[in-house]
C-alpha cells in the first residue's frame, strides 16, 4: 500500500512538473532596488501559482532586452517601450509586443549638480553632457532638445561608459549626464555627493510625454503559451503590489541575489522608483499594467519628431492589453 501511495505521489509530481512552463526573463540592468518585485514574486510563489518556473538574468541597458526576446533566447523581458517602437518600425523585425506597462512615467532624466548652474534645459547650452550610447535616456535626447528649443550644437556630448558616468559628474569632468534618475541619483550619493547638491530634470516634466519601461514578450511565445504570458503578468503585478506594501521586505528578496549591494542604498532606490515611476496619478486611478491608448499614440507621434519612420507602427502593434487581469486586481493600493 505504501509503495502504491509513493508511486501515485511520484506520478502526481511528474504531472505537475510537466504542466510547469519555464520562462527566461531578461532584465534591463543589474539586480538593483527597482527589480525587487520580480524576486518577491518568485519568493512568494506567485509565479509558481501560475504554473511558471521563472529565471531572471541581469542586462546591460534598456534596449538589450528587445534583442534577447526577439532572438527567442528569452521568452519575456523588461525594456524601453520607445526603443521597441523604433524596433517595430522595421517590418522585418520580430513582432515583439509590450504586455504590461511598468514605468508609467519614464525614468529618463538629465542629472546635474548645483555647482554647474544648470536649473533648466536651456542651461545645458555651453555645457558638456555625459551620455552612454546605449542609454535609454540618451535615446530621448533629440525629443528633449526639440521640446525645449535647445541649440544642440552648443552642447558638447561625451560618449561615456555606464560605470564612469556618475563618477565623471561627481569629479566635474562633465557638467550633466543622461540616465535613469533613481540610478544616477543613488550612484552619485555613493560617490559622496550630498543629496542637496543633486539636480534632476525629469524629461517628462519638460515636454517628453513618453511612457517608460515595459514587460515584453516574443510573438511565438505569446501564440503558443498565452496562459503563461497572462500568468507572468498577473504574478508580477502581485509582486509590485506586495513591494508597495512592504518595500523593506521586498528589498531583502533582491539582496539575496546581489549580496554585495548596499541594502540602504537599494531600498532608497526602490522607494524613489515606486514614488515617481511605478505609481503615478494615472496608475492610482486606473491600476497597474495598462496604458492610455491616446497617450501612447501621442508618444508615437513625438518619437516621429526626431526619428524617421519607414513603417510607423500603431499603438496596437506596440502594446496589447489582452494579458492583463481585471482592473480590480491591478490597483496599486
C-alpha atoms as a PDB file:
ATOM      1  CA  UNK A   1       0.000   0.000   0.000  1.00  0.00           C
ATOM      2  CA  UNK A   2       2.817   2.354   0.941  1.00  0.00           C
ATOM      3  CA  UNK A   3       4.563   1.690  -2.371  1.00  0.00           C
ATOM      4  CA  UNK A   4       1.331   2.404  -4.209  1.00  0.00           C
ATOM      5  CA  UNK A   5       0.969   5.754  -2.426  1.00  0.00           C
ATOM      6  CA  UNK A   6       4.574   6.674  -3.221  1.00  0.00           C
ATOM      7  CA  UNK A   7       4.051   5.704  -6.861  1.00  0.00           C
ATOM      8  CA  UNK A   8       0.893   7.812  -7.059  1.00  0.00           C
ATOM      9  CA  UNK A   9       2.703  10.758  -5.466  1.00  0.00           C
ATOM     10  CA  UNK A  10       5.541  10.438  -7.970  1.00  0.00           C
ATOM     11  CA  UNK A  11       3.078  10.370 -10.853  1.00  0.00           C
ATOM     12  CA  UNK A  12       1.359  13.482  -9.489  1.00  0.00           C
ATOM     13  CA  UNK A  13       4.670  15.324  -9.097  1.00  0.00           C
ATOM     14  CA  UNK A  14       5.635  14.387 -12.647  1.00  0.00           C
ATOM     15  CA  UNK A  15       2.299  15.635 -13.948  1.00  0.00           C
ATOM     16  CA  UNK A  16       2.674  18.952 -12.099  1.00  0.00           C
ATOM     17  CA  UNK A  17       6.209  19.353 -13.406  1.00  0.00           C
ATOM     18  CA  UNK A  18       5.018  18.641 -16.941  1.00  0.00           C
ATOM     19  CA  UNK A  19       2.487  21.462 -16.626  1.00  0.00           C
ATOM     20  CA  UNK A  20       5.102  23.974 -15.468  1.00  0.00           C
ATOM     21  CA  UNK A  21       6.160  26.464 -18.129  1.00  0.00           C
ATOM     22  CA  UNK A  22       9.748  27.747 -17.937  1.00  0.00           C
ATOM     23  CA  UNK A  23      10.261  31.461 -18.621  1.00  0.00           C
ATOM     24  CA  UNK A  24      13.634  33.127 -19.026  1.00  0.00           C
ATOM     25  CA  UNK A  25      13.190  36.799 -18.194  1.00  0.00           C
ATOM     26  CA  UNK A  26      15.734  39.409 -19.279  1.00  0.00           C
ATOM     27  CA  UNK A  27      16.116  42.448 -17.043  1.00  0.00           C
ATOM     28  CA  UNK A  28      17.341  45.765 -18.403  1.00  0.00           C
ATOM     29  CA  UNK A  29      20.047  46.260 -15.813  1.00  0.00           C
ATOM     30  CA  UNK A  30      21.726  44.833 -12.750  1.00  0.00           C
ATOM     31  CA  UNK A  31      19.907  43.372  -9.751  1.00  0.00           C
ATOM     32  CA  UNK A  32      19.079  46.643  -8.010  1.00  0.00           C
ATOM     33  CA  UNK A  33      16.190  48.007  -5.946  1.00  0.00           C
ATOM     34  CA  UNK A  34      13.625  48.529  -8.750  1.00  0.00           C
ATOM     35  CA  UNK A  35      13.952  44.853  -9.733  1.00  0.00           C
ATOM     36  CA  UNK A  36      12.731  43.707  -6.306  1.00  0.00           C
ATOM     37  CA  UNK A  37       9.103  42.976  -7.365  1.00  0.00           C
ATOM     38  CA  UNK A  38      10.196  40.110  -9.622  1.00  0.00           C
ATOM     39  CA  UNK A  39      12.137  38.468  -6.820  1.00  0.00           C
ATOM     40  CA  UNK A  40       9.217  38.982  -4.453  1.00  0.00           C
ATOM     41  CA  UNK A  41       7.021  37.173  -6.979  1.00  0.00           C
ATOM     42  CA  UNK A  42       9.492  34.282  -7.050  1.00  0.00           C
ATOM     43  CA  UNK A  43       9.951  34.023  -3.288  1.00  0.00           C
ATOM     44  CA  UNK A  44       6.244  34.380  -2.513  1.00  0.00           C
ATOM     45  CA  UNK A  45       5.396  31.676  -5.040  1.00  0.00           C
ATOM     46  CA  UNK A  46       3.299  33.991  -7.229  1.00  0.00           C
ATOM     47  CA  UNK A  47       4.869  32.701 -10.451  1.00  0.00           C
ATOM     48  CA  UNK A  48       4.598  29.125  -9.239  1.00  0.00           C
ATOM     49  CA  UNK A  49       0.895  29.714  -8.528  1.00  0.00           C
ATOM     50  CA  UNK A  50       0.543  30.398 -12.262  1.00  0.00           C
ATOM     51  CA  UNK A  51       2.398  27.235 -13.259  1.00  0.00           C
ATOM     52  CA  UNK A  52       5.611  29.067 -14.133  1.00  0.00           C
ATOM     53  CA  UNK A  53       9.262  28.413 -13.425  1.00  0.00           C
ATOM     54  CA  UNK A  54      10.882  31.831 -13.817  1.00  0.00           C
ATOM     55  CA  UNK A  55      14.592  32.566 -14.048  1.00  0.00           C
ATOM     56  CA  UNK A  56      15.863  36.159 -14.244  1.00  0.00           C
ATOM     57  CA  UNK A  57      19.081  37.404 -15.804  1.00  0.00           C
ATOM     58  CA  UNK A  58      20.554  40.915 -15.488  1.00  0.00           C
ATOM     59  CA  UNK A  59      21.085  43.145 -18.525  1.00  0.00           C
ATOM     60  CA  UNK A  60      23.322  45.960 -19.672  1.00  0.00           C
ATOM     61  CA  UNK A  61      20.818  48.520 -20.950  1.00  0.00           C
ATOM     62  CA  UNK A  62      17.142  49.167 -21.593  1.00  0.00           C
ATOM     63  CA  UNK A  63      17.401  48.255 -25.298  1.00  0.00           C
ATOM     64  CA  UNK A  64      19.150  44.905 -24.888  1.00  0.00           C
ATOM     65  CA  UNK A  65      16.049  43.062 -23.692  1.00  0.00           C
ATOM     66  CA  UNK A  66      14.307  43.598 -27.033  1.00  0.00           C
ATOM     67  CA  UNK A  67      17.011  41.756 -28.948  1.00  0.00           C
ATOM     68  CA  UNK A  68      17.132  38.989 -26.355  1.00  0.00           C
ATOM     69  CA  UNK A  69      13.409  38.367 -26.662  1.00  0.00           C
ATOM     70  CA  UNK A  70      13.350  38.803 -30.435  1.00  0.00           C
ATOM     71  CA  UNK A  71      16.048  36.152 -30.813  1.00  0.00           C
ATOM     72  CA  UNK A  72      13.980  33.640 -28.848  1.00  0.00           C
ATOM     73  CA  UNK A  73      16.722  33.201 -26.248  1.00  0.00           C
ATOM     74  CA  UNK A  74      14.348  34.759 -23.705  1.00  0.00           C
ATOM     75  CA  UNK A  75      10.583  34.369 -23.657  1.00  0.00           C
ATOM     76  CA  UNK A  76       9.973  37.700 -21.905  1.00  0.00           C
ATOM     77  CA  UNK A  77      11.933  40.750 -20.886  1.00  0.00           C
ATOM     78  CA  UNK A  78      11.989  44.279 -19.493  1.00  0.00           C
ATOM     79  CA  UNK A  79      12.745  47.056 -21.966  1.00  0.00           C
ATOM     80  CA  UNK A  80      12.142  50.655 -23.004  1.00  0.00           C
ATOM     81  CA  UNK A  81       8.868  50.944 -24.929  1.00  0.00           C
ATOM     82  CA  UNK A  82      10.204  53.816 -27.036  1.00  0.00           C
ATOM     83  CA  UNK A  83      13.075  51.668 -28.243  1.00  0.00           C
ATOM     84  CA  UNK A  84      10.501  48.985 -29.009  1.00  0.00           C
ATOM     85  CA  UNK A  85       8.609  51.483 -31.190  1.00  0.00           C
ATOM     86  CA  UNK A  86      11.745  52.126 -33.247  1.00  0.00           C
ATOM     87  CA  UNK A  87      12.478  48.412 -33.433  1.00  0.00           C
ATOM     88  CA  UNK A  88       8.965  47.655 -34.712  1.00  0.00           C
ATOM     89  CA  UNK A  89       9.311  50.333 -37.393  1.00  0.00           C
ATOM     90  CA  UNK A  90      11.217  47.705 -39.383  1.00  0.00           C
ATOM     91  CA  UNK A  91       8.619  45.188 -40.642  1.00  0.00           C
ATOM     92  CA  UNK A  92      11.317  42.511 -40.925  1.00  0.00           C
ATOM     93  CA  UNK A  93      11.834  42.513 -37.184  1.00  0.00           C
ATOM     94  CA  UNK A  94      10.018  40.058 -34.933  1.00  0.00           C
ATOM     95  CA  UNK A  95       6.604  41.239 -33.716  1.00  0.00           C
ATOM     96  CA  UNK A  96       7.707  41.685 -30.099  1.00  0.00           C
ATOM     97  CA  UNK A  97       4.982  43.393 -28.058  1.00  0.00           C
ATOM     98  CA  UNK A  98       4.635  45.066 -24.700  1.00  0.00           C
ATOM     99  CA  UNK A  99       2.207  43.147 -22.492  1.00  0.00           C
ATOM    100  CA  UNK A 100       2.438  45.224 -19.308  1.00  0.00           C
ATOM    101  CA  UNK A 101       3.402  48.818 -18.524  1.00  0.00           C
ATOM    102  CA  UNK A 102       5.745  49.083 -15.523  1.00  0.00           C
ATOM    103  CA  UNK A 103       7.200  52.616 -15.566  1.00  0.00           C
ATOM    104  CA  UNK A 104       4.094  54.702 -16.275  1.00  0.00           C
ATOM    105  CA  UNK A 105       6.388  57.708 -16.079  1.00  0.00           C
ATOM    106  CA  UNK A 106       9.758  57.012 -17.678  1.00  0.00           C
ATOM    107  CA  UNK A 107      12.880  57.345 -15.577  1.00  0.00           C
ATOM    108  CA  UNK A 108      14.606  59.357 -18.329  1.00  0.00           C
ATOM    109  CA  UNK A 109      16.363  62.387 -16.934  1.00  0.00           C
ATOM    110  CA  UNK A 110      19.189  64.863 -17.090  1.00  0.00           C
ATOM    111  CA  UNK A 111      21.097  64.789 -13.810  1.00  0.00           C
ATOM    112  CA  UNK A 112      23.488  67.516 -12.771  1.00  0.00           C
ATOM    113  CA  UNK A 113      24.911  69.251  -9.703  1.00  0.00           C
ATOM    114  CA  UNK A 114      24.021  72.642  -8.289  1.00  0.00           C
ATOM    115  CA  UNK A 115      27.518  73.972  -8.907  1.00  0.00           C
ATOM    116  CA  UNK A 116      27.001  73.549 -12.681  1.00  0.00           C
ATOM    117  CA  UNK A 117      24.342  76.278 -12.676  1.00  0.00           C
ATOM    118  CA  UNK A 118      22.006  74.100 -14.735  1.00  0.00           C
ATOM    119  CA  UNK A 119      18.465  74.730 -13.498  1.00  0.00           C
ATOM    120  CA  UNK A 120      16.509  74.316 -16.736  1.00  0.00           C
ATOM    121  CA  UNK A 121      17.038  72.564 -20.089  1.00  0.00           C
ATOM    122  CA  UNK A 122      18.328  75.679 -21.929  1.00  0.00           C
ATOM    123  CA  UNK A 123      21.089  75.970 -19.339  1.00  0.00           C
ATOM    124  CA  UNK A 124      22.729  72.916 -20.933  1.00  0.00           C
ATOM    125  CA  UNK A 125      23.942  75.115 -23.772  1.00  0.00           C
ATOM    126  CA  UNK A 126      27.649  75.717 -23.384  1.00  0.00           C
ATOM    127  CA  UNK A 127      27.992  72.668 -21.137  1.00  0.00           C
ATOM    128  CA  UNK A 128      29.336  69.119 -21.504  1.00  0.00           C
ATOM    129  CA  UNK A 129      26.856  66.250 -21.319  1.00  0.00           C
ATOM    130  CA  UNK A 130      28.000  62.712 -20.489  1.00  0.00           C
ATOM    131  CA  UNK A 131      25.823  60.085 -22.199  1.00  0.00           C
ATOM    132  CA  UNK A 132      26.353  56.350 -22.714  1.00  0.00           C
ATOM    133  CA  UNK A 133      25.442  55.405 -26.294  1.00  0.00           C
ATOM    134  CA  UNK A 134      23.174  52.553 -25.139  1.00  0.00           C
ATOM    135  CA  UNK A 135      21.365  54.623 -22.500  1.00  0.00           C
ATOM    136  CA  UNK A 136      17.581  54.777 -22.804  1.00  0.00           C
ATOM    137  CA  UNK A 137      17.523  58.384 -21.603  1.00  0.00           C
ATOM    138  CA  UNK A 138      20.123  59.419 -24.171  1.00  0.00           C
ATOM    139  CA  UNK A 139      17.882  57.938 -26.878  1.00  0.00           C
ATOM    140  CA  UNK A 140      15.273  60.587 -25.991  1.00  0.00           C
ATOM    141  CA  UNK A 141      17.744  63.479 -26.164  1.00  0.00           C
ATOM    142  CA  UNK A 142      16.570  64.681 -29.627  1.00  0.00           C
ATOM    143  CA  UNK A 143      12.979  64.925 -28.360  1.00  0.00           C
ATOM    144  CA  UNK A 144      14.122  66.738 -25.218  1.00  0.00           C
ATOM    145  CA  UNK A 145      16.146  69.148 -27.376  1.00  0.00           C
ATOM    146  CA  UNK A 146      13.214  69.925 -29.657  1.00  0.00           C
ATOM    147  CA  UNK A 147      10.644  70.223 -26.859  1.00  0.00           C
ATOM    148  CA  UNK A 148      12.825  72.740 -25.025  1.00  0.00           C
ATOM    149  CA  UNK A 149      14.279  74.596 -28.029  1.00  0.00           C
ATOM    150  CA  UNK A 150      17.854  73.742 -27.041  1.00  0.00           C
ATOM    151  CA  UNK A 151      20.572  74.565 -29.567  1.00  0.00           C
ATOM    152  CA  UNK A 152      22.178  71.103 -29.593  1.00  0.00           C
ATOM    153  CA  UNK A 153      25.241  72.463 -31.423  1.00  0.00           C
ATOM    154  CA  UNK A 154      26.074  74.346 -28.236  1.00  0.00           C
ATOM    155  CA  UNK A 155      26.070  71.198 -26.089  1.00  0.00           C
ATOM    156  CA  UNK A 156      29.213  69.094 -26.143  1.00  0.00           C
ATOM    157  CA  UNK A 157      28.339  65.397 -25.799  1.00  0.00           C
ATOM    158  CA  UNK A 158      30.842  62.878 -24.438  1.00  0.00           C
ATOM    159  CA  UNK A 159      30.082  59.210 -25.057  1.00  0.00           C
ATOM    160  CA  UNK A 160      30.899  57.819 -21.622  1.00  0.00           C
ATOM    161  CA  UNK A 161      30.585  54.310 -20.236  1.00  0.00           C
ATOM    162  CA  UNK A 162      27.908  53.391 -17.708  1.00  0.00           C
ATOM    163  CA  UNK A 163      30.401  52.618 -14.900  1.00  0.00           C
ATOM    164  CA  UNK A 164      32.119  56.028 -15.131  1.00  0.00           C
ATOM    165  CA  UNK A 165      29.074  58.196 -15.840  1.00  0.00           C
ATOM    166  CA  UNK A 166      28.282  59.317 -12.273  1.00  0.00           C
ATOM    167  CA  UNK A 167      31.923  59.426 -11.101  1.00  0.00           C
ATOM    168  CA  UNK A 168      32.729  61.762 -14.007  1.00  0.00           C
ATOM    169  CA  UNK A 169      29.877  64.067 -12.972  1.00  0.00           C
ATOM    170  CA  UNK A 170      30.955  63.956  -9.327  1.00  0.00           C
ATOM    171  CA  UNK A 171      34.540  64.801 -10.362  1.00  0.00           C
ATOM    172  CA  UNK A 172      33.435  67.691 -12.598  1.00  0.00           C
ATOM    173  CA  UNK A 173      34.640  66.053 -15.814  1.00  0.00           C
ATOM    174  CA  UNK A 174      31.168  66.553 -17.308  1.00  0.00           C
ATOM    175  CA  UNK A 175      28.521  69.089 -16.326  1.00  0.00           C
ATOM    176  CA  UNK A 176      25.499  66.812 -16.614  1.00  0.00           C
ATOM    177  CA  UNK A 177      24.577  63.253 -17.574  1.00  0.00           C
ATOM    178  CA  UNK A 178      21.662  61.370 -19.063  1.00  0.00           C
ATOM    179  CA  UNK A 179      20.286  58.430 -17.136  1.00  0.00           C
ATOM    180  CA  UNK A 180      17.517  56.747 -15.208  1.00  0.00           C
ATOM    181  CA  UNK A 181      17.101  59.278 -12.447  1.00  0.00           C
ATOM    182  CA  UNK A 182      16.889  56.929  -9.471  1.00  0.00           C
ATOM    183  CA  UNK A 183      20.018  55.037 -10.504  1.00  0.00           C
ATOM    184  CA  UNK A 184      22.063  58.154 -11.233  1.00  0.00           C
ATOM    185  CA  UNK A 185      20.833  59.810  -8.037  1.00  0.00           C
ATOM    186  CA  UNK A 186      21.851  56.870  -5.867  1.00  0.00           C
ATOM    187  CA  UNK A 187      25.136  56.354  -7.705  1.00  0.00           C
ATOM    188  CA  UNK A 188      26.037  59.987  -7.035  1.00  0.00           C
ATOM    189  CA  UNK A 189      25.193  59.520  -3.384  1.00  0.00           C
ATOM    190  CA  UNK A 190      27.545  56.524  -3.410  1.00  0.00           C
ATOM    191  CA  UNK A 191      30.205  58.883  -4.787  1.00  0.00           C
ATOM    192  CA  UNK A 192      29.795  61.067  -1.690  1.00  0.00           C
ATOM    193  CA  UNK A 193      27.685  63.736  -3.374  1.00  0.00           C
ATOM    194  CA  UNK A 194      25.226  65.256  -0.845  1.00  0.00           C
ATOM    195  CA  UNK A 195      21.554  64.857  -1.759  1.00  0.00           C
ATOM    196  CA  UNK A 196      21.001  68.619  -1.641  1.00  0.00           C
ATOM    197  CA  UNK A 197      23.636  69.130  -4.363  1.00  0.00           C
ATOM    198  CA  UNK A 198      21.915  66.856  -6.900  1.00  0.00           C
ATOM    199  CA  UNK A 199      19.603  68.402  -9.510  1.00  0.00           C
ATOM    200  CA  UNK A 200      17.287  66.156 -11.542  1.00  0.00           C
ATOM    201  CA  UNK A 201      15.484  67.361 -14.655  1.00  0.00           C
ATOM    202  CA  UNK A 202      12.837  64.706 -15.301  1.00  0.00           C
ATOM    203  CA  UNK A 203      12.330  64.613 -19.055  1.00  0.00           C
ATOM    204  CA  UNK A 204       8.588  64.095 -18.750  1.00  0.00           C
ATOM    205  CA  UNK A 205       8.355  67.345 -16.773  1.00  0.00           C
ATOM    206  CA  UNK A 206       9.979  69.081 -19.740  1.00  0.00           C
ATOM    207  CA  UNK A 207       7.855  68.061 -22.690  1.00  0.00           C
ATOM    208  CA  UNK A 208       8.920  64.451 -23.268  1.00  0.00           C
ATOM    209  CA  UNK A 209       5.480  62.840 -22.931  1.00  0.00           C
ATOM    210  CA  UNK A 210       6.565  59.228 -23.295  1.00  0.00           C
ATOM    211  CA  UNK A 211       5.955  56.013 -21.420  1.00  0.00           C
ATOM    212  CA  UNK A 212       8.850  54.137 -19.831  1.00  0.00           C
ATOM    213  CA  UNK A 213       9.843  50.515 -19.428  1.00  0.00           C
ATOM    214  CA  UNK A 214       7.500  47.631 -20.132  1.00  0.00           C
ATOM    215  CA  UNK A 215       7.382  43.875 -19.942  1.00  0.00           C
ATOM    216  CA  UNK A 216       7.678  42.438 -23.429  1.00  0.00           C
ATOM    217  CA  UNK A 217       7.051  39.023 -24.934  1.00  0.00           C
ATOM    218  CA  UNK A 218       8.035  37.306 -28.169  1.00  0.00           C
ATOM    219  CA  UNK A 219       5.371  36.566 -30.794  1.00  0.00           C
ATOM    220  CA  UNK A 220       5.913  32.803 -30.822  1.00  0.00           C
ATOM    221  CA  UNK A 221       5.660  32.567 -27.053  1.00  0.00           C
ATOM    222  CA  UNK A 222       2.511  34.712 -26.948  1.00  0.00           C
ATOM    223  CA  UNK A 223       0.890  32.497 -29.552  1.00  0.00           C
ATOM    224  CA  UNK A 224       1.993  29.164 -28.087  1.00  0.00           C
ATOM    225  CA  UNK A 225       1.630  29.995 -24.380  1.00  0.00           C
ATOM    226  CA  UNK A 226      -0.903  32.811 -23.841  1.00  0.00           C
ATOM    227  CA  UNK A 227      -1.815  31.423 -20.420  1.00  0.00           C
ATOM    228  CA  UNK A 228       1.824  31.610 -19.341  1.00  0.00           C
ATOM    229  CA  UNK A 229       2.137  35.233 -20.512  1.00  0.00           C
ATOM    230  CA  UNK A 230      -1.039  36.188 -18.639  1.00  0.00           C
ATOM    231  CA  UNK A 231       0.196  34.298 -15.588  1.00  0.00           C
ATOM    232  CA  UNK A 232       3.530  36.108 -15.639  1.00  0.00           C
ATOM    233  CA  UNK A 233       1.789  39.480 -15.854  1.00  0.00           C
ATOM    234  CA  UNK A 234      -0.635  38.623 -13.046  1.00  0.00           C
ATOM    235  CA  UNK A 235       2.132  37.338 -10.760  1.00  0.00           C
ATOM    236  CA  UNK A 236       4.351  40.354 -11.482  1.00  0.00           C
ATOM    237  CA  UNK A 237       1.518  42.738 -10.597  1.00  0.00           C
ATOM    238  CA  UNK A 238       1.116  40.864  -7.308  1.00  0.00           C
ATOM    239  CA  UNK A 239       4.863  41.266  -6.763  1.00  0.00           C
ATOM    240  CA  UNK A 240       4.632  45.025  -7.341  1.00  0.00           C
ATOM    241  CA  UNK A 241       1.615  45.330  -5.040  1.00  0.00           C
ATOM    242  CA  UNK A 242       3.462  43.463  -2.297  1.00  0.00           C
ATOM    243  CA  UNK A 243       6.533  45.637  -2.851  1.00  0.00           C
ATOM    244  CA  UNK A 244       4.431  48.789  -2.482  1.00  0.00           C
ATOM    245  CA  UNK A 245       3.003  47.447   0.771  1.00  0.00           C
ATOM    246  CA  UNK A 246       6.338  46.439   2.231  1.00  0.00           C
ATOM    247  CA  UNK A 247       9.414  47.742   0.376  1.00  0.00           C
ATOM    248  CA  UNK A 248      11.682  46.845   3.312  1.00  0.00           C
ATOM    249  CA  UNK A 249      10.841  43.148   2.980  1.00  0.00           C
ATOM    250  CA  UNK A 250      10.939  43.353  -0.820  1.00  0.00           C
ATOM    251  CA  UNK A 251      14.498  44.648  -0.817  1.00  0.00           C
ATOM    252  CA  UNK A 252      15.557  41.572   1.162  1.00  0.00           C
ATOM    253  CA  UNK A 253      14.423  39.405  -1.762  1.00  0.00           C
ATOM    254  CA  UNK A 254      16.664  41.421  -4.089  1.00  0.00           C
ATOM    255  CA  UNK A 255      19.599  41.354  -1.679  1.00  0.00           C
ATOM    256  CA  UNK A 256      19.601  37.559  -1.722  1.00  0.00           C
ATOM    257  CA  UNK A 257      20.518  37.771  -5.409  1.00  0.00           C
ATOM    258  CA  UNK A 258      23.006  40.605  -5.032  1.00  0.00           C
ATOM    259  CA  UNK A 259      24.608  40.288  -1.591  1.00  0.00           C
ATOM    260  CA  UNK A 260      27.364  42.797  -2.378  1.00  0.00           C
ATOM    261  CA  UNK A 261      24.819  45.592  -2.842  1.00  0.00           C
ATOM    262  CA  UNK A 262      24.251  48.063  -0.026  1.00  0.00           C
ATOM    263  CA  UNK A 263      20.813  47.442   1.433  1.00  0.00           C
ATOM    264  CA  UNK A 264      20.091  51.032   2.464  1.00  0.00           C
ATOM    265  CA  UNK A 265      21.106  52.322  -0.982  1.00  0.00           C
ATOM    266  CA  UNK A 266      18.937  49.826  -2.858  1.00  0.00           C
ATOM    267  CA  UNK A 267      16.000  50.391  -0.518  1.00  0.00           C
ATOM    268  CA  UNK A 268      16.111  54.122  -1.199  1.00  0.00           C
ATOM    269  CA  UNK A 269      16.500  53.494  -4.937  1.00  0.00           C
ATOM    270  CA  UNK A 270      13.427  51.246  -4.820  1.00  0.00           C
ATOM    271  CA  UNK A 271      11.357  53.784  -2.879  1.00  0.00           C
ATOM    272  CA  UNK A 272      12.322  56.546  -5.315  1.00  0.00           C
ATOM    273  CA  UNK A 273      11.235  54.480  -8.315  1.00  0.00           C
ATOM    274  CA  UNK A 274       7.978  53.435  -6.640  1.00  0.00           C
ATOM    275  CA  UNK A 275       7.046  57.029  -5.859  1.00  0.00           C
ATOM    276  CA  UNK A 276       7.827  58.535  -9.268  1.00  0.00           C
ATOM    277  CA  UNK A 277       7.748  55.779 -11.882  1.00  0.00           C
ATOM    278  CA  UNK A 278       5.719  52.761 -10.768  1.00  0.00           C
ATOM    279  CA  UNK A 279       2.886  54.628  -9.041  1.00  0.00           C
ATOM    280  CA  UNK A 280       1.647  57.778 -10.762  1.00  0.00           C
ATOM    281  CA  UNK A 281      -1.717  59.559 -10.589  1.00  0.00           C
ATOM    282  CA  UNK A 282      -2.784  57.611 -13.704  1.00  0.00           C
ATOM    283  CA  UNK A 283      -1.835  54.324 -12.066  1.00  0.00           C
ATOM    284  CA  UNK A 284      -3.680  55.245  -8.882  1.00  0.00           C
ATOM    285  CA  UNK A 285      -6.812  55.825 -10.962  1.00  0.00           C
ATOM    286  CA  UNK A 286      -6.552  53.019 -13.489  1.00  0.00           C
ATOM    287  CA  UNK A 287      -4.403  50.329 -11.920  1.00  0.00           C
ATOM    288  CA  UNK A 288      -1.018  48.849 -12.697  1.00  0.00           C
ATOM    289  CA  UNK A 289      -0.018  47.491 -16.065  1.00  0.00           C
ATOM    290  CA  UNK A 290      -2.208  49.301 -18.589  1.00  0.00           C
ATOM    291  CA  UNK A 291      -1.778  52.263 -20.918  1.00  0.00           C
ATOM    292  CA  UNK A 292      -3.904  55.110 -22.194  1.00  0.00           C
ATOM    293  CA  UNK A 293      -4.109  54.418 -25.932  1.00  0.00           C
ATOM    294  CA  UNK A 294      -4.445  58.095 -26.817  1.00  0.00           C
ATOM    295  CA  UNK A 295      -1.326  58.929 -24.805  1.00  0.00           C
ATOM    296  CA  UNK A 296       0.567  56.062 -26.427  1.00  0.00           C
ATOM    297  CA  UNK A 297      -0.461  57.323 -29.873  1.00  0.00           C
ATOM    298  CA  UNK A 298       0.789  60.811 -28.918  1.00  0.00           C
ATOM    299  CA  UNK A 299       4.096  59.315 -27.848  1.00  0.00           C
ATOM    300  CA  UNK A 300       4.414  57.611 -31.242  1.00  0.00           C
ATOM    301  CA  UNK A 301       3.922  60.998 -32.872  1.00  0.00           C
ATOM    302  CA  UNK A 302       6.502  62.580 -30.595  1.00  0.00           C
ATOM    303  CA  UNK A 303       9.051  59.878 -31.364  1.00  0.00           C
ATOM    304  CA  UNK A 304       8.404  60.681 -35.024  1.00  0.00           C
ATOM    305  CA  UNK A 305       9.578  64.255 -34.488  1.00  0.00           C
ATOM    306  CA  UNK A 306      13.158  63.038 -34.334  1.00  0.00           C
ATOM    307  CA  UNK A 307      13.002  59.504 -35.729  1.00  0.00           C
ATOM    308  CA  UNK A 308      12.367  58.931 -39.433  1.00  0.00           C
ATOM    309  CA  UNK A 309       9.683  56.268 -39.620  1.00  0.00           C
ATOM    310  CA  UNK A 310       9.639  53.988 -42.637  1.00  0.00           C
ATOM    311  CA  UNK A 311       6.701  51.858 -41.483  1.00  0.00           C
ATOM    312  CA  UNK A 312       5.259  53.657 -38.461  1.00  0.00           C
ATOM    313  CA  UNK A 313       3.662  51.169 -36.062  1.00  0.00           C
ATOM    314  CA  UNK A 314       0.285  51.733 -34.426  1.00  0.00           C
ATOM    315  CA  UNK A 315      -0.325  51.693 -30.687  1.00  0.00           C
ATOM    316  CA  UNK A 316      -1.924  48.243 -31.062  1.00  0.00           C
ATOM    317  CA  UNK A 317       1.280  46.933 -32.654  1.00  0.00           C
ATOM    318  CA  UNK A 318       3.292  48.044 -29.649  1.00  0.00           C
ATOM    319  CA  UNK A 319       1.066  47.256 -26.670  1.00  0.00           C
ATOM    320  CA  UNK A 320      -1.589  44.609 -26.064  1.00  0.00           C
ATOM    321  CA  UNK A 321      -3.841  44.569 -23.006  1.00  0.00           C
ATOM    322  CA  UNK A 322      -5.091  41.031 -23.678  1.00  0.00           C
ATOM    323  CA  UNK A 323      -2.909  39.502 -20.968  1.00  0.00           C
ATOM    324  CA  UNK A 324      -3.839  41.933 -18.185  1.00  0.00           C
ATOM    325  CA  UNK A 325      -6.031  40.781 -15.281  1.00  0.00           C
ATOM    326  CA  UNK A 326      -9.207  42.796 -14.465  1.00  0.00           C
ATOM    327  CA  UNK A 327      -8.732  46.334 -13.170  1.00  0.00           C
ATOM    328  CA  UNK A 328      -9.826  45.431  -9.629  1.00  0.00           C
ATOM    329  CA  UNK A 329      -6.853  43.039  -9.409  1.00  0.00           C
ATOM    330  CA  UNK A 330      -4.424  45.679 -10.633  1.00  0.00           C
ATOM    331  CA  UNK A 331      -4.937  48.537  -8.183  1.00  0.00           C
ATOM    332  CA  UNK A 332      -1.730  49.905  -6.691  1.00  0.00           C
ATOM    333  CA  UNK A 333      -3.028  50.327  -3.151  1.00  0.00           C
END
